Amino acid sequence: MKILTVLREHERRLTRHMAAWDSPWARRVLPPVEDAAQHTKLWWAAAVTMAAGGGRRGRRAAAAGIGGMALAELLSNGVAKQLVDRRRPPKEWIPHDDVEDRPDSSSFPSGHTAAAVAFTTAVAPAWPVAAAVCAVPALLVGIERIHSGAHYPSDVAAGAAVGLTAAALVRASPRLPRLLLRRRMRTLG
């Protein structure tokens, strides 16, 4: 029990520290990141750009990214948030006005982070350079979710784990029936 208490205290301190981060860079960059990430606009725009300008590889990367993002949103918002009812960080921890625009849903996990990580990770096998470019705004989305007071760091970490899982499932899905068939054949054979 003492470990949980220590972890909660560290998370409280980190949340307050990140929310209080007041630099010209943060004020200039993080609000547009939040706007772009709302309703996955940023990732849809990236997918359209990849599909339009990347030829067959771009279309494959865009399709994988959208598939990963959709599955991550289903797992984070449709499943995990329904199972875990966690309140958002207290408003008094957040020293700026962004705290008024927070959603009412469960804080755990961060669906924005899950979608960002899933999209980026699912794109990587098809087009690593595009994934590297997408990794920058994906990281900024996670930072912004804590800075705005919408999430605790553990919510963002869990969202990233959901995103990685969703991307792995999307990557495995075309091969999954073959893998299951091979396993079944080995057990019969």
C-alpha atoms as a PDB file:
ATOM      1  CA  MET A   1       0.000   0.000   0.000  1.00  0.00           C
ATOM      2  CA  LYS A   2       2.881   2.347   0.740  1.00  0.00           C
ATOM      3  CA  ILE A   3       4.126   1.961  -2.838  1.00  0.00           C
ATOM      4  CA  LEU A   4       0.759   3.126  -4.199  1.00  0.00           C
ATOM      5  CA  THR A   5       0.805   6.132  -1.896  1.00  0.00           C
ATOM      6  CA  VAL A   6       4.302   7.068  -3.080  1.00  0.00           C
ATOM      7  CA  LEU A   7       3.319   6.606  -6.731  1.00  0.00           C
ATOM      8  CA  ARG A   8       0.206   8.767  -6.304  1.00  0.00           C
ATOM      9  CA  GLU A   9       2.264  11.501  -4.661  1.00  0.00           C
ATOM     10  CA  HIS A  10       4.815  11.461  -7.488  1.00  0.00           C
ATOM     11  CA  GLU A  11       2.046  11.569 -10.064  1.00  0.00           C
ATOM     12  CA  ARG A  12       0.377  14.478  -8.250  1.00  0.00           C
ATOM     13  CA  ARG A  13       3.670  16.407  -8.252  1.00  0.00           C
ATOM     14  CA  LEU A  14       4.385  15.648 -11.907  1.00  0.00           C
ATOM     15  CA  THR A  15       0.859  16.631 -12.961  1.00  0.00           C
ATOM     16  CA  ARG A  16       1.064  19.935 -11.083  1.00  0.00           C
ATOM     17  CA  HIS A  17       4.546  20.632 -12.443  1.00  0.00           C
ATOM     18  CA  MET A  18       3.569  19.964 -16.062  1.00  0.00           C
ATOM     19  CA  ALA A  19       0.313  21.930 -15.774  1.00  0.00           C
ATOM     20  CA  ALA A  20       2.225  24.897 -14.329  1.00  0.00           C
ATOM     21  CA  TRP A  21       4.749  24.843 -17.164  1.00  0.00           C
ATOM     22  CA  ASP A  22       4.456  28.383 -18.461  1.00  0.00           C
ATOM     23  CA  SER A  23       6.787  29.134 -21.307  1.00  0.00           C
ATOM     24  CA  PRO A  24       6.209  31.101 -24.514  1.00  0.00           C
ATOM     25  CA  TRP A  25       6.802  27.846 -26.406  1.00  0.00           C
ATOM     26  CA  ALA A  26       4.097  25.986 -24.465  1.00  0.00           C
ATOM     27  CA  ARG A  27       1.604  28.843 -24.864  1.00  0.00           C
ATOM     28  CA  ARG A  28       2.303  29.014 -28.605  1.00  0.00           C
ATOM     29  CA  VAL A  29       2.511  25.297 -29.493  1.00  0.00           C
ATOM     30  CA  LEU A  30       0.247  23.306 -27.169  1.00  0.00           C
ATOM     31  CA  PRO A  31      -3.141  25.004 -27.822  1.00  0.00           C
ATOM     32  CA  PRO A  32      -2.947  24.393 -31.605  1.00  0.00           C
ATOM     33  CA  VAL A  33      -1.892  20.791 -30.910  1.00  0.00           C
ATOM     34  CA  GLU A  34      -4.995  20.341 -28.759  1.00  0.00           C
ATOM     35  CA  ASP A  35      -7.225  21.814 -31.465  1.00  0.00           C
ATOM     36  CA  ALA A  36      -5.682  19.629 -34.175  1.00  0.00           C
ATOM     37  CA  ALA A  37      -5.988  16.471 -32.058  1.00  0.00           C
ATOM     38  CA  GLN A  38      -9.684  17.031 -31.285  1.00  0.00           C
ATOM     39  CA  HIS A  39     -11.826  14.471 -33.125  1.00  0.00           C
ATOM     40  CA  THR A  40      -8.598  13.016 -34.610  1.00  0.00           C
ATOM     41  CA  LYS A  41      -8.444  15.809 -37.223  1.00  0.00           C
ATOM     42  CA  LEU A  42      -4.649  15.765 -37.163  1.00  0.00           C
ATOM     43  CA  TRP A  43      -4.449  12.046 -37.945  1.00  0.00           C
ATOM     44  CA  TRP A  44      -7.096  12.190 -40.675  1.00  0.00           C
ATOM     45  CA  ALA A  45      -5.157  15.046 -42.299  1.00  0.00           C
ATOM     46  CA  ALA A  46      -1.939  13.031 -42.068  1.00  0.00           C
ATOM     47  CA  ALA A  47      -3.673  10.006 -43.624  1.00  0.00           C
ATOM     48  CA  VAL A  48      -5.070  12.082 -46.505  1.00  0.00           C
ATOM     49  CA  THR A  49      -1.641  13.631 -47.106  1.00  0.00           C
ATOM     50  CA  MET A  50       0.048  10.212 -47.110  1.00  0.00           C
ATOM     51  CA  ALA A  51      -2.556   8.652 -49.379  1.00  0.00           C
ATOM     52  CA  ALA A  52      -2.508  11.570 -51.816  1.00  0.00           C
ATOM     53  CA  GLY A  53       1.230  12.055 -52.026  1.00  0.00           C
ATOM     54  CA  GLY A  54       2.801   8.743 -51.109  1.00  0.00           C
ATOM     55  CA  GLY A  55       1.640   6.438 -53.862  1.00  0.00           C
ATOM     56  CA  ARG A  56       0.925   2.824 -52.964  1.00  0.00           C
ATOM     57  CA  ARG A  57       3.130   2.973 -49.863  1.00  0.00           C
ATOM     58  CA  GLY A  58       1.320   6.114 -48.689  1.00  0.00           C
ATOM     59  CA  ARG A  59      -2.095   4.516 -49.162  1.00  0.00           C
ATOM     60  CA  ARG A  60      -0.974   1.409 -47.266  1.00  0.00           C
ATOM     61  CA  ALA A  61       0.444   3.550 -44.447  1.00  0.00           C
ATOM     62  CA  ALA A  62      -2.695   5.710 -44.291  1.00  0.00           C
ATOM     63  CA  ALA A  63      -4.977   2.666 -44.150  1.00  0.00           C
ATOM     64  CA  ALA A  64      -2.893   1.082 -41.388  1.00  0.00           C
ATOM     65  CA  GLY A  65      -2.829   4.358 -39.444  1.00  0.00           C
ATOM     66  CA  ILE A  66      -6.590   4.820 -39.669  1.00  0.00           C
ATOM     67  CA  GLY A  67      -7.168   1.199 -38.671  1.00  0.00           C
ATOM     68  CA  GLY A  68      -4.875   1.541 -35.666  1.00  0.00           C
ATOM     69  CA  MET A  69      -6.445   4.830 -34.652  1.00  0.00           C
ATOM     70  CA  ALA A  70      -9.990   3.444 -34.902  1.00  0.00           C
ATOM     71  CA  LEU A  71      -9.151   0.366 -32.848  1.00  0.00           C
ATOM     72  CA  ALA A  72      -7.337   2.472 -30.235  1.00  0.00           C
ATOM     73  CA  GLU A  73     -10.351   4.744 -29.870  1.00  0.00           C
ATOM     74  CA  LEU A  74     -12.635   1.740 -29.500  1.00  0.00           C
ATOM     75  CA  LEU A  75     -10.389   0.164 -26.855  1.00  0.00           C
ATOM     76  CA  SER A  76      -9.721   3.371 -24.919  1.00  0.00           C
ATOM     77  CA  ASN A  77     -13.027   5.216 -25.158  1.00  0.00           C
ATOM     78  CA  GLY A  78     -15.428   2.341 -25.722  1.00  0.00           C
ATOM     79  CA  VAL A  79     -13.936  -0.199 -23.325  1.00  0.00           C
ATOM     80  CA  ALA A  80     -11.356   1.118 -20.838  1.00  0.00           C
ATOM     81  CA  LYS A  81     -13.115   4.383 -19.958  1.00  0.00           C
ATOM     82  CA  GLN A  82     -16.288   2.399 -19.296  1.00  0.00           C
ATOM     83  CA  LEU A  83     -14.458   0.039 -16.934  1.00  0.00           C
ATOM     84  CA  VAL A  84     -12.334   2.595 -15.060  1.00  0.00           C
ATOM     85  CA  ASP A  85     -14.063   5.626 -13.603  1.00  0.00           C
ATOM     86  CA  ARG A  86     -11.263   8.024 -12.741  1.00  0.00           C
ATOM     87  CA  ARG A  87     -11.809  11.688 -12.057  1.00  0.00           C
ATOM     88  CA  ARG A  88      -9.793  14.296 -13.929  1.00  0.00           C
ATOM     89  CA  PRO A  89      -6.980  16.082 -12.043  1.00  0.00           C
ATOM     90  CA  PRO A  90      -8.441  18.598  -9.580  1.00  0.00           C
ATOM     91  CA  LYS A  91      -9.009  22.048 -11.063  1.00  0.00           C
ATOM     92  CA  GLU A  92      -7.017  23.699  -8.298  1.00  0.00           C
ATOM     93  CA  TRP A  93      -3.891  21.907  -9.569  1.00  0.00           C
ATOM     94  CA  ILE A  94      -4.175  23.607 -12.953  1.00  0.00           C
ATOM     95  CA  PRO A  95      -3.104  27.278 -12.887  1.00  0.00           C
ATOM     96  CA  HIS A  96      -4.457  28.274 -16.309  1.00  0.00           C
ATOM     97  CA  ASP A  97      -7.816  28.596 -18.064  1.00  0.00           C
ATOM     98  CA  ASP A  98      -7.552  25.380 -20.133  1.00  0.00           C
ATOM     99  CA  VAL A  99      -8.931  23.487 -17.147  1.00  0.00           C
ATOM    100  CA  GLU A 100     -12.444  24.746 -17.932  1.00  0.00           C
ATOM    101  CA  ASP A 101     -12.575  22.905 -21.282  1.00  0.00           C
ATOM    102  CA  ARG A 102     -12.035  19.384 -19.957  1.00  0.00           C
ATOM    103  CA  PRO A 103     -14.320  16.492 -20.863  1.00  0.00           C
ATOM    104  CA  ASP A 104     -16.617  14.905 -18.280  1.00  0.00           C
ATOM    105  CA  SER A 105     -15.661  11.331 -19.170  1.00  0.00           C
ATOM    106  CA  SER A 106     -13.233   9.163 -17.218  1.00  0.00           C
ATOM    107  CA  SER A 107      -9.668  10.376 -17.208  1.00  0.00           C
ATOM    108  CA  PHE A 108      -8.234   6.861 -17.700  1.00  0.00           C
ATOM    109  CA  PRO A 109      -6.841   6.248 -20.290  1.00  0.00           C
ATOM    110  CA  SER A 110      -6.095   9.168 -22.596  1.00  0.00           C
ATOM    111  CA  GLY A 111      -8.005   8.483 -25.807  1.00  0.00           C
ATOM    112  CA  HIS A 112      -6.167  11.296 -27.611  1.00  0.00           C
ATOM    113  CA  THR A 113      -2.830   9.702 -26.773  1.00  0.00           C
ATOM    114  CA  ALA A 114      -4.075   6.229 -27.689  1.00  0.00           C
ATOM    115  CA  ALA A 115      -5.174   7.455 -31.127  1.00  0.00           C
ATOM    116  CA  ALA A 116      -1.917   9.385 -31.708  1.00  0.00           C
ATOM    117  CA  VAL A 117       0.345   6.488 -30.740  1.00  0.00           C
ATOM    118  CA  ALA A 118      -1.736   3.912 -32.622  1.00  0.00           C
ATOM    119  CA  PHE A 119      -1.767   5.967 -35.815  1.00  0.00           C
ATOM    120  CA  THR A 120       1.972   6.652 -35.673  1.00  0.00           C
ATOM    121  CA  THR A 121       2.950   3.096 -34.764  1.00  0.00           C
ATOM    122  CA  ALA A 122       0.660   1.503 -37.342  1.00  0.00           C
ATOM    123  CA  VAL A 123       2.139   3.731 -40.072  1.00  0.00           C
ATOM    124  CA  ALA A 124       5.739   2.795 -39.186  1.00  0.00           C
ATOM    125  CA  PRO A 125       6.054  -0.598 -40.936  1.00  0.00           C
ATOM    126  CA  ALA A 126       4.677   0.751 -44.209  1.00  0.00           C
ATOM    127  CA  TRP A 127       6.441   4.127 -44.181  1.00  0.00           C
ATOM    128  CA  PRO A 128       9.013   4.681 -41.402  1.00  0.00           C
ATOM    129  CA  VAL A 129       9.854   8.262 -42.409  1.00  0.00           C
ATOM    130  CA  ALA A 130       6.198   9.313 -42.251  1.00  0.00           C
ATOM    131  CA  ALA A 131       5.903   7.649 -38.849  1.00  0.00           C
ATOM    132  CA  ALA A 132       8.945   9.559 -37.615  1.00  0.00           C
ATOM    133  CA  VAL A 133       7.290  12.807 -38.719  1.00  0.00           C
ATOM    134  CA  CYS A 134       4.028  11.780 -37.000  1.00  0.00           C
ATOM    135  CA  ALA A 135       5.904  10.910 -33.794  1.00  0.00           C
ATOM    136  CA  VAL A 136       6.545  14.602 -33.068  1.00  0.00           C
ATOM    137  CA  PRO A 137       2.871  15.659 -32.876  1.00  0.00           C
ATOM    138  CA  ALA A 138       2.021  12.341 -31.141  1.00  0.00           C
ATOM    139  CA  LEU A 139       4.473  13.196 -28.363  1.00  0.00           C
ATOM    140  CA  LEU A 140       3.107  16.751 -28.178  1.00  0.00           C
ATOM    141  CA  VAL A 141      -0.442  15.388 -27.808  1.00  0.00           C
ATOM    142  CA  GLY A 142       0.607  13.422 -24.718  1.00  0.00           C
ATOM    143  CA  ILE A 143       2.345  16.449 -23.210  1.00  0.00           C
ATOM    144  CA  GLU A 144      -0.632  18.681 -23.978  1.00  0.00           C
ATOM    145  CA  ARG A 145      -3.112  16.308 -22.316  1.00  0.00           C
ATOM    146  CA  ILE A 146      -1.237  16.619 -19.017  1.00  0.00           C
ATOM    147  CA  HIS A 147      -0.488  20.331 -19.401  1.00  0.00           C
ATOM    148  CA  SER A 148      -4.153  21.157 -20.022  1.00  0.00           C
ATOM    149  CA  GLY A 149      -5.210  19.287 -16.886  1.00  0.00           C
ATOM    150  CA  ALA A 150      -7.249  16.749 -18.834  1.00  0.00           C
ATOM    151  CA  HIS A 151      -5.132  13.779 -17.724  1.00  0.00           C
ATOM    152  CA  TYR A 152      -2.649  12.439 -15.240  1.00  0.00           C
ATOM    153  CA  PRO A 153       0.687  11.132 -16.580  1.00  0.00           C
ATOM    154  CA  SER A 154      -0.466   7.541 -15.932  1.00  0.00           C
ATOM    155  CA  ASP A 155      -3.535   8.179 -18.124  1.00  0.00           C
ATOM    156  CA  VAL A 156      -1.218   9.235 -20.944  1.00  0.00           C
ATOM    157  CA  ALA A 157       1.060   6.234 -20.377  1.00  0.00           C
ATOM    158  CA  ALA A 158      -1.943   3.893 -20.426  1.00  0.00           C
ATOM    159  CA  GLY A 159      -3.224   5.600 -23.584  1.00  0.00           C
ATOM    160  CA  ALA A 160       0.164   5.025 -25.209  1.00  0.00           C
ATOM    161  CA  ALA A 161       0.015   1.340 -24.204  1.00  0.00           C
ATOM    162  CA  VAL A 162      -3.464   1.041 -25.705  1.00  0.00           C
ATOM    163  CA  GLY A 163      -2.191   2.711 -28.883  1.00  0.00           C
ATOM    164  CA  LEU A 164       0.760   0.340 -29.151  1.00  0.00           C
ATOM    165  CA  THR A 165      -1.541  -2.638 -28.614  1.00  0.00           C
ATOM    166  CA  ALA A 166      -4.015  -1.426 -31.229  1.00  0.00           C
ATOM    167  CA  ALA A 167      -1.233  -0.895 -33.780  1.00  0.00           C
ATOM    168  CA  ALA A 168       0.160  -4.378 -33.085  1.00  0.00           C
ATOM    169  CA  LEU A 169      -3.289  -5.913 -33.535  1.00  0.00           C
ATOM    170  CA  VAL A 170      -3.812  -4.068 -36.819  1.00  0.00           C
ATOM    171  CA  ARG A 171      -0.402  -5.197 -38.010  1.00  0.00           C
ATOM    172  CA  ALA A 172      -1.123  -8.815 -37.018  1.00  0.00           C
ATOM    173  CA  SER A 173      -4.699  -8.906 -38.317  1.00  0.00           C
ATOM    174  CA  PRO A 174      -3.930  -9.870 -41.948  1.00  0.00           C
ATOM    175  CA  ARG A 175      -1.643 -12.641 -40.720  1.00  0.00           C
ATOM    176  CA  LEU A 176      -3.748 -13.760 -37.767  1.00  0.00           C
ATOM    177  CA  PRO A 177      -5.903 -16.346 -39.607  1.00  0.00           C
ATOM    178  CA  ARG A 178      -2.748 -17.896 -41.121  1.00  0.00           C
ATOM    179  CA  LEU A 179      -1.001 -18.003 -37.736  1.00  0.00           C
ATOM    180  CA  LEU A 180      -4.002 -19.611 -36.069  1.00  0.00           C
ATOM    181  CA  LEU A 181      -4.312 -22.169 -38.858  1.00  0.00           C
ATOM    182  CA  ARG A 182      -0.620 -23.088 -38.575  1.00  0.00           C
ATOM    183  CA  ARG A 183      -0.927 -23.470 -34.806  1.00  0.00           C
ATOM    184  CA  ARG A 184      -3.999 -25.660 -35.227  1.00  0.00           C
ATOM    185  CA  MET A 185      -2.258 -27.798 -37.846  1.00  0.00           C
ATOM    186  CA  ARG A 186       0.715 -28.316 -35.504  1.00  0.00           C
ATOM    187  CA  THR A 187      -1.546 -29.452 -32.671  1.00  0.00           C
ATOM    188  CA  LEU A 188      -3.371 -31.884 -34.992  1.00  0.00           C
ATOM    189  CA  GLY A 189      -0.276 -33.096 -36.758  1.00  0.00           C
END
